[in-house]
Amino acid sequence: MTVRLASYATPFFNSLYTATLQRVEKLSVSKLIDEEKRKEAAASLLREMEATAARMRALIVAMPAHDLLGYIYAQHMTKAMAGQSATDASDEGEGHDDLIGENQFLLEYVHAVLASDVAPQDVKFDEAQCAELFDLSRHLRQQAMFFAMASSADKKTGVFGPDTADIEFHAKSNWAILRGNRYQVLEGEFYSYVLSPHDDILNEVYGVGAADIAAGFQAMANAARSGHADAIMEMEKQFEAAQAFALVHDGPQEKAMEAGLEANAEQAHAAARAIDDMFRGGIANVSRHTTLPQTLLADLAYRRGEETEFFAPGDYAGTPYRTLPARKKPLIQLGADYYAIDPCFARDSGYRALLFNLLQRRPDYGKRCFDPTFLKAS
């Protein structure tokens, strides 16, 4: 089987492909001698994927969602900062691509589990289990590539003739691995453009128009991109204000600073929000960082336990080859607030989810959208 890599493949994708090809070449000798053995090998890889996904689900659901998100985001920032200080430019580039892909893949699974499972009564944060979760997530990505190769290998016939194996591999691997890694600075421009033809109906249904919704999606992206830095600056600001208060009041500095926070509820609230952004996933809290209406956020979000298909019994249960819930609804409701756990899917699936739910609320609008007069005016 000869597979041509896409020109946009990242260094990590290239290295993963090479490792996958080496494994499948061994399988070709030992297991893929005939069609039956090839199918057995693919079935074995599928069972391994399902087992890995089930273990990830068990780990995620057993931990407090906010603490887990905070830990994942903090690990991402720590690794990114370490990568920036690397002296080898090529290693830095490969590490950055790998870091983004790994982090996004794991966050998609956190979203999937939160959407699929109700919150249990007893949860406990465990850093050792977090480390296991990171390892399992990387392993599942590799397993997905192994399966793409093994299940596509040596197919000589099909819709695409001798190219069937090549095309099938790319379709499977792209679905499981490739994601919308990009700079998060143009979300507002995108949404402003695509939603402007629907401005009237958006105002009617949600009470806000295309420009306000676009600004909300841009605010989501900004919080994910610079939220940690903003929180750090806010903490420094509050610390300096507390120190200044302590200098003009008698008594131990620590008690004076506490008194300063108690005397200024607004400052105390700002400090608490900054801590939440830094350590408990607050940068993903779109209820806090945007002014989008609750009705719209609810249409874009899963409630805990609402998703029933991703982990349902059957082939591919919980694997990347099923449709991840984030592809259908990019947000998740945690308590009274809504969270954009993975920042890229707010763009990748947010537009589709928004229009789908808009038509659910106003089915008559679908007919108007396909009216030639409407299309010409748009």
Protein backbone atom coordinates (compact mmCIF):
# COMPACT_ATOMS: atom_id res chain seq x y z
CA MET A 1 0.00 0.00 0.00
CA THR A 2 1.47 3.34 -1.07
CA VAL A 3 -0.02 6.36 0.63
CA ARG A 4 0.72 9.92 -0.44
CA LEU A 5 0.75 12.45 2.37
CA ALA A 6 -1.15 15.67 1.90
CA SER A 7 0.96 18.81 1.49
CA TYR A 8 -0.68 20.34 4.56
CA ALA A 9 0.28 17.44 6.85
CA THR A 10 1.99 18.63 10.01
CA PRO A 11 5.37 17.30 11.18
CA PHE A 12 3.54 15.32 13.83
CA PHE A 13 1.21 13.83 11.22
CA ASN A 14 4.26 12.85 9.12
CA SER A 15 6.00 11.14 12.05
CA LEU A 16 2.79 9.39 13.09
CA TYR A 17 2.27 8.23 9.52
CA THR A 18 5.79 6.79 9.39
CA ALA A 19 5.27 4.86 12.64
CA THR A 20 1.92 3.63 11.42
CA LEU A 21 3.32 2.47 8.10
CA GLN A 22 6.08 0.52 9.86
CA ARG A 23 3.53 -1.24 12.06
CA VAL A 24 1.20 -2.04 9.19
CA GLU A 25 4.11 -3.37 7.08
CA LYS A 26 4.77 -5.84 9.90
CA LEU A 27 1.08 -6.70 9.99
CA SER A 28 1.20 -7.24 6.23
CA VAL A 29 3.76 -9.99 6.75
CA SER A 30 2.36 -11.61 9.87
CA LYS A 31 -1.38 -11.02 9.74
CA LEU A 32 -2.45 -9.53 6.46
CA ILE A 33 -1.43 -12.42 4.27
CA ASP A 34 -4.98 -12.87 3.10
CA GLU A 35 -8.23 -10.97 3.32
CA GLU A 36 -9.49 -12.80 6.41
CA LYS A 37 -6.32 -12.15 8.38
CA ARG A 38 -6.38 -8.48 7.36
CA LYS A 39 -9.94 -8.16 8.62
CA GLU A 40 -8.98 -9.86 11.89
CA ALA A 41 -6.13 -7.40 12.40
CA ALA A 42 -8.41 -4.42 11.73
CA ALA A 43 -11.03 -5.82 14.11
CA SER A 44 -8.37 -6.24 16.81
CA LEU A 45 -7.27 -2.62 16.39
CA LEU A 46 -10.89 -1.51 16.61
CA ARG A 47 -11.38 -3.34 19.90
CA GLU A 48 -8.21 -1.71 21.25
CA MET A 49 -9.52 1.74 20.29
CA GLU A 50 -12.85 1.07 21.97
CA ALA A 51 -11.11 -0.07 25.16
CA THR A 52 -8.89 3.02 25.23
CA ALA A 53 -11.88 5.32 24.69
CA ALA A 54 -13.82 3.57 27.48
CA ARG A 55 -10.93 4.07 29.90
CA MET A 56 -10.67 7.75 28.96
CA ARG A 57 -14.40 8.11 29.59
CA ALA A 58 -14.08 6.55 33.04
CA LEU A 59 -11.23 8.87 33.99
CA ILE A 60 -12.90 12.05 32.73
CA VAL A 61 -16.28 11.44 34.36
CA ALA A 62 -14.65 10.71 37.73
CA MET A 63 -13.00 14.14 38.00
CA PRO A 64 -14.47 17.61 38.65
CA ALA A 65 -15.02 19.18 35.23
CA HIS A 66 -13.71 22.64 36.14
CA ASP A 67 -10.55 21.32 37.78
CA LEU A 68 -9.85 18.98 34.87
CA LEU A 69 -10.26 21.78 32.33
CA GLY A 70 -8.03 24.06 34.37
CA TYR A 71 -5.34 21.40 34.53
CA ILE A 72 -5.45 20.70 30.78
CA TYR A 73 -5.27 24.39 29.87
CA ALA A 74 -2.46 24.98 32.37
CA GLN A 75 -0.46 22.05 30.99
CA HIS A 76 -0.92 23.41 27.49
CA MET A 77 0.35 26.85 28.54
CA THR A 78 3.30 25.38 30.42
CA LYS A 79 4.38 23.24 27.48
CA ALA A 80 3.87 26.09 25.03
CA MET A 81 6.06 28.41 27.12
CA ALA A 82 8.72 25.71 27.38
CA GLY A 83 8.58 25.24 23.61
CA GLN A 84 9.15 28.94 23.01
CA SER A 85 12.39 28.82 24.98
CA ALA A 86 13.75 25.92 22.94
CA THR A 87 16.86 26.77 20.98
CA ASP A 88 16.29 24.31 18.13
CA ALA A 89 13.80 25.99 15.78
CA SER A 90 12.84 22.79 13.98
CA ASP A 91 12.19 20.91 17.21
CA GLU A 92 10.16 23.87 18.44
CA GLY A 93 7.98 23.79 15.31
CA GLU A 94 7.31 20.08 15.52
CA GLY A 95 6.61 20.25 19.24
CA HIS A 96 4.15 23.11 18.75
CA ASP A 97 2.19 21.24 16.10
CA ASP A 98 2.14 18.14 18.26
CA LEU A 99 1.08 20.14 21.32
CA ILE A 100 -1.85 21.80 19.55
CA GLY A 101 -3.08 18.55 18.04
CA GLU A 102 -2.80 16.55 21.24
CA ASN A 103 -4.49 19.22 23.32
CA GLN A 104 -7.36 19.68 20.88
CA PHE A 105 -7.95 15.93 20.58
CA LEU A 106 -8.09 15.52 24.36
CA LEU A 107 -10.45 18.47 24.80
CA GLU A 108 -12.79 16.97 22.20
CA TYR A 109 -13.01 13.85 24.36
CA VAL A 110 -13.58 15.84 27.53
CA HIS A 111 -16.47 17.56 25.73
CA ALA A 112 -17.79 14.19 24.51
CA VAL A 113 -17.80 12.65 27.97
CA LEU A 114 -19.38 15.67 29.64
CA ALA A 115 -22.07 15.67 26.96
CA SER A 116 -22.66 11.92 27.36
CA ASP A 117 -22.58 11.46 31.15
CA VAL A 118 -24.51 13.13 33.93
CA ALA A 119 -22.36 14.57 36.69
CA PRO A 120 -21.78 11.94 39.43
CA GLN A 121 -22.18 12.86 43.07
CA ASP A 122 -18.64 11.97 44.11
CA VAL A 123 -15.77 13.27 42.00
CA LYS A 124 -12.13 13.78 42.91
CA PHE A 125 -9.27 15.43 41.07
CA ASP A 126 -6.25 13.16 40.68
CA GLU A 127 -3.12 14.41 38.92
CA ALA A 128 -1.84 10.87 38.34
CA GLN A 129 -5.07 10.03 36.54
CA CYS A 130 -4.70 13.23 34.52
CA ALA A 131 -1.26 12.05 33.41
CA GLU A 132 -2.78 8.71 32.42
CA LEU A 133 -5.49 10.56 30.50
CA PHE A 134 -2.89 12.49 28.49
CA ASP A 135 -1.09 9.25 27.65
CA LEU A 136 -4.32 7.51 26.65
CA SER A 137 -5.31 10.40 24.42
CA ARG A 138 -2.00 10.23 22.56
CA HIS A 139 -2.33 6.46 22.32
CA LEU A 140 -5.86 6.70 20.91
CA ARG A 141 -4.69 9.05 18.16
CA GLN A 142 -2.04 6.52 17.19
CA GLN A 143 -4.52 3.67 17.30
CA ALA A 144 -6.83 5.63 15.01
CA MET A 145 -4.03 5.94 12.45
CA PHE A 146 -3.11 2.27 12.76
CA PHE A 147 -6.73 1.35 12.14
CA ALA A 148 -6.97 3.68 9.14
CA MET A 149 -4.01 1.90 7.58
CA ALA A 150 -4.94 -1.65 8.51
CA SER A 151 -8.57 -1.36 7.42
CA SER A 152 -7.61 0.24 4.10
CA ALA A 153 -4.54 -1.79 3.18
CA ASP A 154 -4.32 -3.97 0.08
CA LYS A 155 -7.72 -3.05 -1.31
CA LYS A 156 -7.28 -3.58 -5.03
CA THR A 157 -10.87 -2.97 -6.07
CA GLY A 158 -13.59 -0.52 -5.12
CA VAL A 159 -15.31 2.60 -6.30
CA PHE A 160 -11.96 4.23 -7.05
CA GLY A 161 -10.33 1.18 -8.58
CA PRO A 162 -6.66 0.70 -7.67
CA ASP A 163 -6.69 4.03 -5.80
CA THR A 164 -9.39 2.86 -3.37
CA ALA A 165 -6.94 1.97 -0.58
CA ASP A 166 -5.18 5.32 -0.86
CA ILE A 167 -8.39 7.37 -0.84
CA GLU A 168 -9.97 5.32 1.95
CA PHE A 169 -6.90 5.79 4.14
CA HIS A 170 -6.92 9.55 3.63
CA ALA A 171 -10.64 9.81 4.32
CA LYS A 172 -10.32 7.87 7.59
CA SER A 173 -7.10 9.47 8.83
CA ASN A 174 -8.23 13.00 7.99
CA TRP A 175 -11.51 12.46 9.82
CA ALA A 176 -9.76 11.12 12.93
CA ILE A 177 -6.63 13.29 13.08
CA LEU A 178 -6.74 16.56 11.19
CA ARG A 179 -8.29 19.54 12.93
CA GLY A 180 -8.76 23.27 12.30
CA ASN A 181 -5.52 24.53 13.84
CA ARG A 182 -5.38 28.25 13.06
CA TYR A 183 -5.03 31.71 14.53
CA GLN A 184 -8.20 32.68 16.42
CA VAL A 185 -8.34 36.30 15.28
CA LEU A 186 -10.86 36.29 12.44
CA GLU A 187 -13.88 34.59 13.99
CA GLY A 188 -15.82 37.86 14.17
CA GLU A 189 -15.16 38.62 10.52
CA PHE A 190 -16.32 35.15 9.47
CA TYR A 191 -19.54 35.19 11.48
CA SER A 192 -20.35 38.77 10.51
CA TYR A 193 -20.16 37.79 6.86
CA VAL A 194 -22.07 34.49 6.95
CA LEU A 195 -24.79 35.65 9.35
CA SER A 196 -25.53 39.04 7.80
CA PRO A 197 -28.20 37.63 5.42
CA HIS A 198 -30.03 36.26 8.48
CA ASP A 199 -29.87 39.44 10.55
CA ASP A 200 -33.63 40.01 10.76
CA ILE A 201 -34.55 36.47 11.82
CA LEU A 202 -31.69 36.39 14.35
CA ASN A 203 -33.01 39.56 15.96
CA GLU A 204 -36.48 38.11 15.99
CA VAL A 205 -35.52 34.74 17.54
CA TYR A 206 -32.56 35.61 19.77
CA GLY A 207 -32.90 39.35 20.29
CA VAL A 208 -29.46 40.07 18.78
CA GLY A 209 -28.30 40.51 15.23
CA ALA A 210 -25.41 39.22 13.14
CA ALA A 211 -22.95 41.88 14.35
CA ASP A 212 -23.55 41.14 18.03
CA ILE A 213 -23.34 37.38 17.51
CA ALA A 214 -20.10 37.81 15.54
CA ALA A 215 -18.69 39.91 18.37
CA GLY A 216 -19.64 37.16 20.82
CA PHE A 217 -17.81 34.48 18.84
CA GLN A 218 -14.78 36.76 18.60
CA ALA A 219 -14.89 37.23 22.37
CA MET A 220 -14.89 33.42 22.78
CA ALA A 221 -11.79 33.20 20.61
CA ASN A 222 -10.09 36.06 22.45
CA ALA A 223 -10.70 34.43 25.84
CA ALA A 224 -9.19 31.14 24.65
CA ARG A 225 -6.24 32.89 23.01
CA SER A 226 -5.27 35.45 25.64
CA GLY A 227 -7.40 34.58 28.67
CA HIS A 228 -4.53 33.28 30.78
CA ALA A 229 -2.43 36.37 30.09
CA ASP A 230 -5.36 38.65 30.89
CA ALA A 231 -5.98 36.77 34.15
CA ILE A 232 -2.34 37.06 35.18
CA MET A 233 -2.36 40.81 34.55
CA GLU A 234 -5.59 41.16 36.53
CA MET A 235 -4.08 39.27 39.45
CA GLU A 236 -1.01 41.52 39.39
CA LYS A 237 -3.27 44.58 39.32
CA GLN A 238 -5.30 43.36 42.31
CA PHE A 239 -2.15 42.42 44.23
CA GLU A 240 -0.66 45.87 43.70
CA ALA A 241 -3.93 47.52 44.79
CA ALA A 242 -4.01 45.38 47.93
CA GLN A 243 -0.39 46.25 48.70
CA ALA A 244 -1.12 49.96 48.29
CA PHE A 245 -4.05 49.62 50.70
CA ALA A 246 -1.85 47.81 53.22
CA LEU A 247 0.79 50.56 53.18
CA VAL A 248 -1.62 53.14 54.56
CA HIS A 249 -3.19 50.89 57.19
CA ASP A 250 -1.72 49.68 60.46
CA GLY A 251 -1.18 46.04 61.34
CA PRO A 252 0.37 43.04 59.59
CA GLN A 253 0.51 43.43 55.82
CA GLU A 254 -1.31 40.14 55.17
CA LYS A 255 -4.29 41.13 57.34
CA ALA A 256 -4.32 44.62 55.85
CA MET A 257 -4.45 43.17 52.33
CA GLU A 258 -7.33 40.89 53.34
CA ALA A 259 -9.14 43.87 54.81
CA GLY A 260 -8.58 45.77 51.56
CA LEU A 261 -10.26 43.02 49.56
CA GLU A 262 -13.14 42.85 52.01
CA ALA A 263 -13.62 46.60 51.78
CA ASN A 264 -13.70 46.52 47.99
CA ALA A 265 -16.09 43.81 46.80
CA GLU A 266 -15.53 44.65 43.14
CA GLN A 267 -11.80 44.07 43.42
CA ALA A 268 -12.36 40.83 45.32
CA HIS A 269 -14.76 39.66 42.60
CA ALA A 270 -12.27 40.52 39.85
CA ALA A 271 -9.54 38.59 41.65
CA ALA A 272 -11.79 35.57 42.08
CA ARG A 273 -12.66 35.58 38.39
CA ALA A 274 -8.99 35.82 37.44
CA ILE A 275 -8.17 32.82 39.65
CA ASP A 276 -11.03 30.88 38.08
CA ASP A 277 -9.75 31.75 34.59
CA MET A 278 -6.24 30.64 35.48
CA PHE A 279 -6.93 27.42 37.36
CA ARG A 280 -10.51 26.21 36.80
CA GLY A 281 -11.15 26.50 33.08
CA GLY A 282 -12.73 29.94 33.34
CA ILE A 283 -11.26 31.07 30.03
CA ALA A 284 -13.75 28.70 28.36
CA ASN A 285 -16.73 30.19 30.19
CA VAL A 286 -18.60 31.95 27.38
CA SER A 287 -21.35 33.09 29.75
CA ARG A 288 -18.69 35.21 31.44
CA HIS A 289 -16.60 36.32 28.50
CA THR A 290 -19.38 37.13 26.02
CA THR A 291 -22.71 38.95 26.08
CA LEU A 292 -24.48 36.37 23.93
CA PRO A 293 -28.04 35.64 25.12
CA GLN A 294 -28.79 32.51 27.13
CA THR A 295 -31.24 31.23 24.51
CA LEU A 296 -28.58 31.23 21.80
CA LEU A 297 -25.95 29.62 24.05
CA ALA A 298 -28.44 26.91 25.05
CA ASP A 299 -29.04 26.11 21.38
CA LEU A 300 -25.28 25.63 20.86
CA ALA A 301 -24.72 23.54 24.00
CA TYR A 302 -25.17 20.04 25.34
CA ARG A 303 -26.52 19.48 28.82
CA ARG A 304 -24.71 16.86 30.89
CA GLY A 305 -25.85 13.41 29.73
CA GLU A 306 -27.80 14.69 26.72
CA GLU A 307 -25.67 12.98 24.05
CA THR A 308 -26.70 9.34 23.53
CA GLU A 309 -24.95 8.25 20.32
CA PHE A 310 -21.20 8.65 20.73
CA PHE A 311 -20.67 5.99 23.40
CA ALA A 312 -23.71 3.88 22.47
CA PRO A 313 -23.00 0.12 22.18
CA GLY A 314 -21.87 -1.06 18.79
CA ASP A 315 -18.89 -0.87 16.48
CA TYR A 316 -16.66 2.20 16.89
CA ALA A 317 -18.23 3.08 20.27
CA GLY A 318 -16.39 6.10 21.67
CA THR A 319 -13.73 6.09 18.94
CA PRO A 320 -12.71 8.98 16.69
CA TYR A 321 -14.56 7.25 13.85
CA ARG A 322 -17.90 8.18 15.33
CA THR A 323 -19.13 11.76 15.09
CA LEU A 324 -17.74 13.66 18.04
CA PRO A 325 -20.47 15.59 19.87
CA ALA A 326 -18.46 18.81 19.44
CA ARG A 327 -19.10 18.54 15.70
CA LYS A 328 -22.82 18.91 16.42
CA LYS A 329 -22.89 21.33 19.37
CA PRO A 330 -19.65 23.10 20.31
CA LEU A 331 -20.61 24.18 23.84
CA ILE A 332 -21.39 22.33 27.07
CA GLN A 333 -23.50 23.52 29.99
CA LEU A 334 -21.82 23.21 33.38
CA GLY A 335 -24.08 24.42 36.15
CA ALA A 336 -25.66 27.69 35.08
CA ASP A 337 -22.87 28.64 32.66
CA TYR A 338 -21.88 27.57 29.15
CA TYR A 339 -18.35 26.54 28.16
CA ALA A 340 -16.50 26.38 24.84
CA ILE A 341 -14.16 23.57 25.88
CA ASP A 342 -12.44 23.31 22.52
CA PRO A 343 -12.01 26.77 20.94
CA CYS A 344 -11.76 25.58 17.33
CA PHE A 345 -15.14 23.84 17.22
CA ALA A 346 -16.85 27.11 18.17
CA ARG A 347 -16.01 28.10 14.60
CA ASP A 348 -15.97 24.69 12.91
CA SER A 349 -19.43 23.60 14.03
CA GLY A 350 -20.90 26.71 15.64
CA TYR A 351 -22.27 28.12 12.38
CA ARG A 352 -23.99 24.86 11.40
CA ALA A 353 -25.39 24.37 14.90
CA LEU A 354 -26.69 27.92 14.99
CA LEU A 355 -28.52 27.67 11.67
CA PHE A 356 -29.85 24.20 12.50
CA ASN A 357 -31.38 25.36 15.76
CA LEU A 358 -32.65 28.53 14.16
CA LEU A 359 -34.61 26.38 11.71
CA GLN A 360 -35.80 24.17 14.56
CA ARG A 361 -37.31 27.26 16.16
CA ARG A 362 -38.60 28.70 12.90
CA PRO A 363 -39.16 25.93 10.31
CA ASP A 364 -40.87 28.41 8.00
CA TYR A 365 -37.58 30.28 7.61
CA GLY A 366 -36.06 27.31 5.77
CA LYS A 367 -38.50 27.78 2.91
CA ARG A 368 -37.73 31.48 2.76
CA CYS A 369 -33.98 30.78 2.61
CA PHE A 370 -34.40 28.80 -0.60
CA ASP A 371 -36.66 31.36 -2.20
CA PRO A 372 -34.88 32.85 -5.27
CA THR A 373 -35.78 36.37 -4.15
CA PHE A 374 -34.09 35.82 -0.77
CA LEU A 375 -31.01 34.28 -2.35
CA LYS A 376 -30.67 37.14 -4.81
CA ALA A 377 -31.06 39.72 -2.04
CA SER A 378 -28.45 37.95 0.08
